[in-house]
Amino acid sequence: MAVTKQQKAEILKKFRTSELDTGSTAVQIALLTARINELTPHFTKHKKDHHGVRGLMTCVNQRRKLLDYMKRSDLRKYEALIKELDIRK
């Protein structure tokens, strides 16, 4: 159900800017997107899991804040990231 260590390592490898980068904005957005994509099918099956939906909305809101920050600070990286993660139209 959750994102495994191996999946996290692959995401880190793909989106990091340097060898020691584990917390840049792009990495955080990619990890949150993976978590959101893992949780979403659960809620189509379990419609009454309202406490879990609250956690999902927290992740979505955190990703939204990070995306807004990235859009303000580096527009080119932002556009490349949303295209690669297929977040928006």
PDB file of N, CA and C in Angstrom:
ATOM      1  N   MET A   1       0.818  -1.192   0.000  1.00  0.00           N
ATOM      2  CA  MET A   1       0.000   0.000   0.000  1.00  0.00           C
ATOM      3  C   MET A   1       0.867   1.264   0.000  1.00  0.00           C
ATOM      4  N   ALA A   2       1.853   1.306   0.872  1.00  0.00           N
ATOM      5  CA  ALA A   2       2.697   2.495   0.972  1.00  0.00           C
ATOM      6  C   ALA A   2       3.826   2.422  -0.057  1.00  0.00           C
ATOM      7  N   VAL A   3       4.487   3.529  -0.234  1.00  0.00           N
ATOM      8  CA  VAL A   3       5.629   3.603  -1.138  1.00  0.00           C
ATOM      9  C   VAL A   3       6.800   2.896  -0.451  1.00  0.00           C
ATOM     10  N   THR A   4       7.388   1.922  -1.133  1.00  0.00           N
ATOM     11  CA  THR A   4       8.464   1.136  -0.535  1.00  0.00           C
ATOM     12  C   THR A   4       9.788   1.894  -0.564  1.00  0.00           C
ATOM     13  N   LYS A   5      10.766   1.365   0.177  1.00  0.00           N
ATOM     14  CA  LYS A   5      12.091   1.982   0.209  1.00  0.00           C
ATOM     15  C   LYS A   5      12.728   1.979  -1.171  1.00  0.00           C
ATOM     16  N   GLN A   6      12.501   0.910  -1.913  1.00  0.00           N
ATOM     17  CA  GLN A   6      13.077   0.809  -3.254  1.00  0.00           C
ATOM     18  C   GLN A   6      12.465   1.856  -4.183  1.00  0.00           C
ATOM     19  N   GLN A   7      11.156   2.059  -4.102  1.00  0.00           N
ATOM     20  CA  GLN A   7      10.501   3.070  -4.916  1.00  0.00           C
ATOM     21  C   GLN A   7      10.989   4.467  -4.540  1.00  0.00           C
ATOM     22  N   LYS A   8      11.174   4.715  -3.238  1.00  0.00           N
ATOM     23  CA  LYS A   8      11.684   6.012  -2.793  1.00  0.00           C
ATOM     24  C   LYS A   8      13.090   6.242  -3.328  1.00  0.00           C
ATOM     25  N   ALA A   9      13.919   5.193  -3.293  1.00  0.00           N
ATOM     26  CA  ALA A   9      15.290   5.319  -3.792  1.00  0.00           C
ATOM     27  C   ALA A   9      15.299   5.635  -5.281  1.00  0.00           C
ATOM     28  N   GLU A  10      14.407   5.020  -6.054  1.00  0.00           N
ATOM     29  CA  GLU A  10      14.311   5.304  -7.487  1.00  0.00           C
ATOM     30  C   GLU A  10      13.874   6.743  -7.735  1.00  0.00           C
ATOM     31  N   ILE A  11      12.918   7.223  -6.951  1.00  0.00           N
ATOM     32  CA  ILE A  11      12.443   8.600  -7.090  1.00  0.00           C
ATOM     33  C   ILE A  11      13.572   9.571  -6.744  1.00  0.00           C
ATOM     34  N   LEU A  12      14.288   9.280  -5.662  1.00  0.00           N
ATOM     35  CA  LEU A  12      15.422  10.129  -5.288  1.00  0.00           C
ATOM     36  C   LEU A  12      16.456  10.182  -6.395  1.00  0.00           C
ATOM     37  N   LYS A  13      16.767   9.025  -6.964  1.00  0.00           N
ATOM     38  CA  LYS A  13      17.764   8.956  -8.021  1.00  0.00           C
ATOM     39  C   LYS A  13      17.336   9.770  -9.238  1.00  0.00           C
ATOM     40  N   LYS A  14      16.056   9.757  -9.511  1.00  0.00           N
ATOM     41  CA  LYS A  14      15.544  10.415 -10.706  1.00  0.00           C
ATOM     42  C   LYS A  14      15.455  11.940 -10.566  1.00  0.00           C
ATOM     43  N   PHE A  15      15.091  12.432  -9.390  1.00  0.00           N
ATOM     44  CA  PHE A  15      14.781  13.853  -9.243  1.00  0.00           C
ATOM     45  C   PHE A  15      15.805  14.660  -8.453  1.00  0.00           C
ATOM     46  N   ARG A  16      16.818  14.034  -7.908  1.00  0.00           N
ATOM     47  CA  ARG A  16      17.784  14.793  -7.113  1.00  0.00           C
ATOM     48  C   ARG A  16      18.687  15.647  -7.990  1.00  0.00           C
ATOM     49  N   THR A  17      19.192  16.717  -7.392  1.00  0.00           N
ATOM     50  CA  THR A  17      20.064  17.619  -8.138  1.00  0.00           C
ATOM     51  C   THR A  17      21.534  17.322  -7.891  1.00  0.00           C
ATOM     52  N   SER A  18      21.852  16.679  -6.762  1.00  0.00           N
ATOM     53  CA  SER A  18      23.222  16.278  -6.470  1.00  0.00           C
ATOM     54  C   SER A  18      23.199  14.925  -5.770  1.00  0.00           C
ATOM     55  N   GLU A  19      24.360  14.401  -5.474  1.00  0.00           N
ATOM     56  CA  GLU A  19      24.457  13.074  -4.864  1.00  0.00           C
ATOM     57  C   GLU A  19      23.837  13.027  -3.468  1.00  0.00           C
ATOM     58  N   LEU A  20      23.951  14.113  -2.721  1.00  0.00           N
ATOM     59  CA  LEU A  20      23.462  14.130  -1.344  1.00  0.00           C
ATOM     60  C   LEU A  20      22.077  14.757  -1.212  1.00  0.00           C
ATOM     61  N   ASP A  21      21.431  15.085  -2.305  1.00  0.00           N
ATOM     62  CA  ASP A  21      20.138  15.765  -2.282  1.00  0.00           C
ATOM     63  C   ASP A  21      19.024  14.784  -1.929  1.00  0.00           C
ATOM     64  N   THR A  22      18.383  15.013  -0.788  1.00  0.00           N
ATOM     65  CA  THR A  22      17.232  14.187  -0.413  1.00  0.00           C
ATOM     66  C   THR A  22      16.017  15.033  -0.060  1.00  0.00           C
ATOM     67  N   GLY A  23      16.168  16.354  -0.034  1.00  0.00           N
ATOM     68  CA  GLY A  23      15.064  17.179   0.423  1.00  0.00           C
ATOM     69  C   GLY A  23      14.760  18.384  -0.423  1.00  0.00           C
ATOM     70  N   SER A  24      15.240  18.409  -1.654  1.00  0.00           N
ATOM     71  CA  SER A  24      14.926  19.562  -2.505  1.00  0.00           C
ATOM     72  C   SER A  24      13.441  19.560  -2.832  1.00  0.00           C
ATOM     73  N   THR A  25      12.983  20.664  -3.328  1.00  0.00           N
ATOM     74  CA  THR A  25      11.560  20.815  -3.616  1.00  0.00           C
ATOM     75  C   THR A  25      11.077  19.779  -4.622  1.00  0.00           C
ATOM     76  N   ALA A  26      11.860  19.538  -5.664  1.00  0.00           N
ATOM     77  CA  ALA A  26      11.459  18.576  -6.692  1.00  0.00           C
ATOM     78  C   ALA A  26      11.345  17.169  -6.119  1.00  0.00           C
ATOM     79  N   VAL A  27      12.275  16.801  -5.255  1.00  0.00           N
ATOM     80  CA  VAL A  27      12.248  15.470  -4.637  1.00  0.00           C
ATOM     81  C   VAL A  27      11.028  15.339  -3.736  1.00  0.00           C
ATOM     82  N   GLN A  28      10.747  16.362  -2.941  1.00  0.00           N
ATOM     83  CA  GLN A  28       9.589  16.315  -2.050  1.00  0.00           C
ATOM     84  C   GLN A  28       8.288  16.206  -2.831  1.00  0.00           C
ATOM     85  N   ILE A  29       8.184  16.956  -3.924  1.00  0.00           N
ATOM     86  CA  ILE A  29       6.976  16.903  -4.743  1.00  0.00           C
ATOM     87  C   ILE A  29       6.818  15.522  -5.369  1.00  0.00           C
ATOM     88  N   ALA A  30       7.901  14.952  -5.855  1.00  0.00           N
ATOM     89  CA  ALA A  30       7.848  13.629  -6.472  1.00  0.00           C
ATOM     90  C   ALA A  30       7.452  12.559  -5.456  1.00  0.00           C
ATOM     91  N   LEU A  31       7.983  12.637  -4.241  1.00  0.00           N
ATOM     92  CA  LEU A  31       7.625  11.665  -3.208  1.00  0.00           C
ATOM     93  C   LEU A  31       6.161  11.806  -2.790  1.00  0.00           C
ATOM     94  N   LEU A  32       5.694  13.039  -2.655  1.00  0.00           N
ATOM     95  CA  LEU A  32       4.284  13.246  -2.315  1.00  0.00           C
ATOM     96  C   LEU A  32       3.370  12.755  -3.432  1.00  0.00           C
ATOM     97  N   THR A  33       3.772  12.960  -4.673  1.00  0.00           N
ATOM     98  CA  THR A  33       2.965  12.493  -5.803  1.00  0.00           C
ATOM     99  C   THR A  33       2.875  10.977  -5.803  1.00  0.00           C
ATOM    100  N   ALA A  34       3.985  10.310  -5.520  1.00  0.00           N
ATOM    101  CA  ALA A  34       3.972   8.844  -5.454  1.00  0.00           C
ATOM    102  C   ALA A  34       3.039   8.365  -4.342  1.00  0.00           C
ATOM    103  N   ARG A  35       3.099   9.041  -3.198  1.00  0.00           N
ATOM    104  CA  ARG A  35       2.235   8.658  -2.083  1.00  0.00           C
ATOM    105  C   ARG A  35       0.762   8.891  -2.416  1.00  0.00           C
ATOM    106  N   ILE A  36       0.465  10.016  -3.047  1.00  0.00           N
ATOM    107  CA  ILE A  36      -0.913  10.323  -3.437  1.00  0.00           C
ATOM    108  C   ILE A  36      -1.422   9.293  -4.443  1.00  0.00           C
ATOM    109  N   ASN A  37      -0.582   8.939  -5.403  1.00  0.00           N
ATOM    110  CA  ASN A  37      -0.981   7.949  -6.404  1.00  0.00           C
ATOM    111  C   ASN A  37      -1.190   6.567  -5.795  1.00  0.00           C
ATOM    112  N   GLU A  38      -0.479   6.251  -4.722  1.00  0.00           N
ATOM    113  CA  GLU A  38      -0.681   4.976  -4.037  1.00  0.00           C
ATOM    114  C   GLU A  38      -1.971   4.980  -3.221  1.00  0.00           C
ATOM    115  N   LEU A  39      -2.304   6.111  -2.612  1.00  0.00           N
ATOM    116  CA  LEU A  39      -3.470   6.180  -1.728  1.00  0.00           C
ATOM    117  C   LEU A  39      -4.791   6.324  -2.473  1.00  0.00           C
ATOM    118  N   THR A  40      -4.787   6.951  -3.626  1.00  0.00           N
ATOM    119  CA  THR A  40      -6.031   7.265  -4.332  1.00  0.00           C
ATOM    120  C   THR A  40      -6.891   6.035  -4.631  1.00  0.00           C
ATOM    121  N   PRO A  41      -6.349   4.923  -5.145  1.00  0.00           N
ATOM    122  CA  PRO A  41      -7.212   3.756  -5.398  1.00  0.00           C
ATOM    123  C   PRO A  41      -7.859   3.187  -4.136  1.00  0.00           C
ATOM    124  N   HIS A  42      -7.197   3.343  -2.999  1.00  0.00           N
ATOM    125  CA  HIS A  42      -7.752   2.839  -1.739  1.00  0.00           C
ATOM    126  C   HIS A  42      -9.099   3.505  -1.442  1.00  0.00           C
ATOM    127  N   PHE A  43      -9.200   4.793  -1.740  1.00  0.00           N
ATOM    128  CA  PHE A  43     -10.410   5.524  -1.384  1.00  0.00           C
ATOM    129  C   PHE A  43     -11.544   5.313  -2.379  1.00  0.00           C
ATOM    130  N   THR A  44     -11.250   4.816  -3.566  1.00  0.00           N
ATOM    131  CA  THR A  44     -12.341   4.446  -4.466  1.00  0.00           C
ATOM    132  C   THR A  44     -12.989   3.157  -3.984  1.00  0.00           C
ATOM    133  N   LYS A  45     -12.205   2.315  -3.329  1.00  0.00           N
ATOM    134  CA  LYS A  45     -12.742   1.050  -2.809  1.00  0.00           C
ATOM    135  C   LYS A  45     -13.384   1.239  -1.438  1.00  0.00           C
ATOM    136  N   HIS A  46     -12.739   2.020  -0.568  1.00  0.00           N
ATOM    137  CA  HIS A  46     -13.210   2.226   0.801  1.00  0.00           C
ATOM    138  C   HIS A  46     -13.749   3.648   0.937  1.00  0.00           C
ATOM    139  N   LYS A  47     -14.995   3.819   0.564  1.00  0.00           N
ATOM    140  CA  LYS A  47     -15.595   5.147   0.500  1.00  0.00           C
ATOM    141  C   LYS A  47     -15.827   5.783   1.875  1.00  0.00           C
ATOM    142  N   LYS A  48     -15.891   4.988   2.932  1.00  0.00           N
ATOM    143  CA  LYS A  48     -16.193   5.532   4.254  1.00  0.00           C
ATOM    144  C   LYS A  48     -14.945   5.766   5.110  1.00  0.00           C
ATOM    145  N   ASP A  49     -13.780   5.682   4.516  1.00  0.00           N
ATOM    146  CA  ASP A  49     -12.534   5.915   5.238  1.00  0.00           C
ATOM    147  C   ASP A  49     -12.251   7.418   5.276  1.00  0.00           C
ATOM    148  N   HIS A  50     -12.998   8.123   6.101  1.00  0.00           N
ATOM    149  CA  HIS A  50     -12.904   9.576   6.151  1.00  0.00           C
ATOM    150  C   HIS A  50     -11.610  10.051   6.816  1.00  0.00           C
ATOM    151  N   HIS A  51     -11.112   9.295   7.780  1.00  0.00           N
ATOM    152  CA  HIS A  51      -9.863   9.679   8.438  1.00  0.00           C
ATOM    153  C   HIS A  51      -8.692   9.579   7.461  1.00  0.00           C
ATOM    154  N   GLY A  52      -8.719   8.580   6.614  1.00  0.00           N
ATOM    155  CA  GLY A  52      -7.665   8.436   5.610  1.00  0.00           C
ATOM    156  C   GLY A  52      -7.727   9.527   4.562  1.00  0.00           C
ATOM    157  N   VAL A  53      -8.920   9.942   4.215  1.00  0.00           N
ATOM    158  CA  VAL A  53      -9.089  11.022   3.240  1.00  0.00           C
ATOM    159  C   VAL A  53      -8.479  12.312   3.781  1.00  0.00           C
ATOM    160  N   ARG A  54      -8.579  12.503   5.087  1.00  0.00           N
ATOM    161  CA  ARG A  54      -7.982  13.688   5.696  1.00  0.00           C
ATOM    162  C   ARG A  54      -6.466  13.670   5.511  1.00  0.00           C
ATOM    163  N   GLY A  55      -5.851  12.519   5.681  1.00  0.00           N
ATOM    164  CA  GLY A  55      -4.414  12.396   5.457  1.00  0.00           C
ATOM    165  C   GLY A  55      -4.042  12.628   4.004  1.00  0.00           C
ATOM    166  N   LEU A  56      -4.865  12.117   3.097  1.00  0.00           N
ATOM    167  CA  LEU A  56      -4.631  12.329   1.672  1.00  0.00           C
ATOM    168  C   LEU A  56      -4.719  13.816   1.327  1.00  0.00           C
ATOM    169  N   MET A  57      -5.705  14.498   1.868  1.00  0.00           N
ATOM    170  CA  MET A  57      -5.852  15.929   1.603  1.00  0.00           C
ATOM    171  C   MET A  57      -4.676  16.721   2.160  1.00  0.00           C
ATOM    172  N   THR A  58      -4.121  16.270   3.280  1.00  0.00           N
ATOM    173  CA  THR A  58      -2.926  16.912   3.826  1.00  0.00           C
ATOM    174  C   THR A  58      -1.770  16.800   2.848  1.00  0.00           C
ATOM    175  N   CYS A  59      -1.600  15.610   2.264  1.00  0.00           N
ATOM    176  CA  CYS A  59      -0.533  15.404   1.276  1.00  0.00           C
ATOM    177  C   CYS A  59      -0.756  16.274   0.043  1.00  0.00           C
ATOM    178  N   VAL A  60      -1.984  16.332  -0.425  1.00  0.00           N
ATOM    179  CA  VAL A  60      -2.307  17.133  -1.612  1.00  0.00           C
ATOM    180  C   VAL A  60      -2.041  18.613  -1.340  1.00  0.00           C
ATOM    181  N   ASN A  61      -2.432  19.089  -0.159  1.00  0.00           N
ATOM    182  CA  ASN A  61      -2.209  20.493   0.182  1.00  0.00           C
ATOM    183  C   ASN A  61      -0.725  20.819   0.315  1.00  0.00           C
ATOM    184  N   GLN A  62       0.038  19.897   0.910  1.00  0.00           N
ATOM    185  CA  GLN A  62       1.476  20.119   1.040  1.00  0.00           C
ATOM    186  C   GLN A  62       2.133  20.174  -0.340  1.00  0.00           C
ATOM    187  N   ARG A  63       1.722  19.270  -1.236  1.00  0.00           N
ATOM    188  CA  ARG A  63       2.267  19.280  -2.600  1.00  0.00           C
ATOM    189  C   ARG A  63       1.896  20.575  -3.318  1.00  0.00           C
ATOM    190  N   ARG A  64       0.678  21.039  -3.111  1.00  0.00           N
ATOM    191  CA  ARG A  64       0.238  22.293  -3.730  1.00  0.00           C
ATOM    192  C   ARG A  64       1.116  23.466  -3.280  1.00  0.00           C
ATOM    193  N   LYS A  65       1.415  23.530  -1.978  1.00  0.00           N
ATOM    194  CA  LYS A  65       2.263  24.594  -1.453  1.00  0.00           C
ATOM    195  C   LYS A  65       3.662  24.522  -2.054  1.00  0.00           C
ATOM    196  N   LEU A  66       4.216  23.317  -2.136  1.00  0.00           N
ATOM    197  CA  LEU A  66       5.551  23.155  -2.709  1.00  0.00           C
ATOM    198  C   LEU A  66       5.559  23.519  -4.191  1.00  0.00           C
ATOM    199  N   LEU A  67       4.509  23.144  -4.917  1.00  0.00           N
ATOM    200  CA  LEU A  67       4.419  23.499  -6.334  1.00  0.00           C
ATOM    201  C   LEU A  67       4.326  25.017  -6.514  1.00  0.00           C
ATOM    202  N   ASP A  68       3.553  25.677  -5.661  1.00  0.00           N
ATOM    203  CA  ASP A  68       3.458  27.137  -5.737  1.00  0.00           C
ATOM    204  C   ASP A  68       4.814  27.787  -5.490  1.00  0.00           C
ATOM    205  N   TYR A  69       5.545  27.279  -4.498  1.00  0.00           N
ATOM    206  CA  TYR A  69       6.871  27.804  -4.210  1.00  0.00           C
ATOM    207  C   TYR A  69       7.810  27.600  -5.395  1.00  0.00           C
ATOM    208  N   MET A  70       7.764  26.407  -5.976  1.00  0.00           N
ATOM    209  CA  MET A  70       8.652  26.105  -7.099  1.00  0.00           C
ATOM    210  C   MET A  70       8.297  26.970  -8.310  1.00  0.00           C
ATOM    211  N   LYS A  71       7.019  27.235  -8.512  1.00  0.00           N
ATOM    212  CA  LYS A  71       6.599  28.075  -9.620  1.00  0.00           C
ATOM    213  C   LYS A  71       7.130  29.497  -9.456  1.00  0.00           C
ATOM    214  N   ARG A  72       7.127  30.002  -8.225  1.00  0.00           N
ATOM    215  CA  ARG A  72       7.658  31.340  -7.963  1.00  0.00           C
ATOM    216  C   ARG A  72       9.174  31.396  -8.114  1.00  0.00           C
ATOM    217  N   SER A  73       9.857  30.349  -7.673  1.00  0.00           N
ATOM    218  CA  SER A  73      11.314  30.408  -7.624  1.00  0.00           C
ATOM    219  C   SER A  73      11.986  29.990  -8.935  1.00  0.00           C
ATOM    220  N   ASP A  74      11.476  28.950  -9.605  1.00  0.00           N
ATOM    221  CA  ASP A  74      12.124  28.474 -10.832  1.00  0.00           C
ATOM    222  C   ASP A  74      11.059  27.908 -11.781  1.00  0.00           C
ATOM    223  N   LEU A  75      10.600  28.740 -12.679  1.00  0.00           N
ATOM    224  CA  LEU A  75       9.489  28.384 -13.553  1.00  0.00           C
ATOM    225  C   LEU A  75       9.838  27.245 -14.512  1.00  0.00           C
ATOM    226  N   ARG A  76      11.062  27.226 -15.026  1.00  0.00           N
ATOM    227  CA  ARG A  76      11.442  26.165 -15.976  1.00  0.00           C
ATOM    228  C   ARG A  76      11.445  24.798 -15.327  1.00  0.00           C
ATOM    229  N   LYS A  77      12.013  24.703 -14.127  1.00  0.00           N
ATOM    230  CA  LYS A  77      12.022  23.421 -13.411  1.00  0.00           C
ATOM    231  C   LYS A  77      10.599  23.002 -13.058  1.00  0.00           C
ATOM    232  N   TYR A  78       9.770  23.973 -12.694  1.00  0.00           N
ATOM    233  CA  TYR A  78       8.375  23.704 -12.360  1.00  0.00           C
ATOM    234  C   TYR A  78       7.646  23.092 -13.546  1.00  0.00           C
ATOM    235  N   GLU A  79       7.790  23.700 -14.713  1.00  0.00           N
ATOM    236  CA  GLU A  79       7.109  23.190 -15.906  1.00  0.00           C
ATOM    237  C   GLU A  79       7.616  21.808 -16.288  1.00  0.00           C
ATOM    238  N   ALA A  80       8.928  21.588 -16.171  1.00  0.00           N
ATOM    239  CA  ALA A  80       9.487  20.275 -16.484  1.00  0.00           C
ATOM    240  C   ALA A  80       8.984  19.217 -15.504  1.00  0.00           C
ATOM    241  N   LEU A  81       8.877  19.583 -14.238  1.00  0.00           N
ATOM    242  CA  LEU A  81       8.443  18.638 -13.213  1.00  0.00           C
ATOM    243  C   LEU A  81       6.985  18.243 -13.382  1.00  0.00           C
ATOM    244  N   ILE A  82       6.103  19.223 -13.607  1.00  0.00           N
ATOM    245  CA  ILE A  82       4.690  18.865 -13.758  1.00  0.00           C
ATOM    246  C   ILE A  82       4.457  18.066 -15.033  1.00  0.00           C
ATOM    247  N   LYS A  83       5.293  18.298 -16.036  1.00  0.00           N
ATOM    248  CA  LYS A  83       5.173  17.518 -17.267  1.00  0.00           C
ATOM    249  C   LYS A  83       5.632  16.079 -17.023  1.00  0.00           C
ATOM    250  N   GLU A  84       6.724  15.924 -16.293  1.00  0.00           N
ATOM    251  CA  GLU A  84       7.268  14.587 -16.050  1.00  0.00           C
ATOM    252  C   GLU A  84       6.384  13.779 -15.104  1.00  0.00           C
ATOM    253  N   LEU A  85       5.835  14.426 -14.083  1.00  0.00           N
ATOM    254  CA  LEU A  85       4.984  13.735 -13.116  1.00  0.00           C
ATOM    255  C   LEU A  85       3.537  13.614 -13.599  1.00  0.00           C
ATOM    256  N   ASP A  86       3.207  14.325 -14.669  1.00  0.00           N
ATOM    257  CA  ASP A  86       1.855  14.321 -15.232  1.00  0.00           C
ATOM    258  C   ASP A  86       0.826  14.727 -14.178  1.00  0.00           C
ATOM    259  N   ILE A  87       1.103  15.852 -13.542  1.00  0.00           N
ATOM    260  CA  ILE A  87       0.234  16.337 -12.473  1.00  0.00           C
ATOM    261  C   ILE A  87      -0.933  17.131 -13.036  1.00  0.00           C
ATOM    262  N   ARG A  88      -0.674  17.943 -14.041  1.00  0.00           N
ATOM    263  CA  ARG A  88      -1.709  18.824 -14.570  1.00  0.00           C
ATOM    264  C   ARG A  88      -1.804  18.691 -16.080  1.00  0.00           C
ATOM    265  N   LYS A  89      -2.747  19.428 -16.612  1.00  0.00           N
ATOM    266  CA  LYS A  89      -2.917  19.476 -18.069  1.00  0.00           C
ATOM    267  C   LYS A  89      -1.814  20.278 -18.697  1.00  0.00           C
TER     268      LYS A  89
END
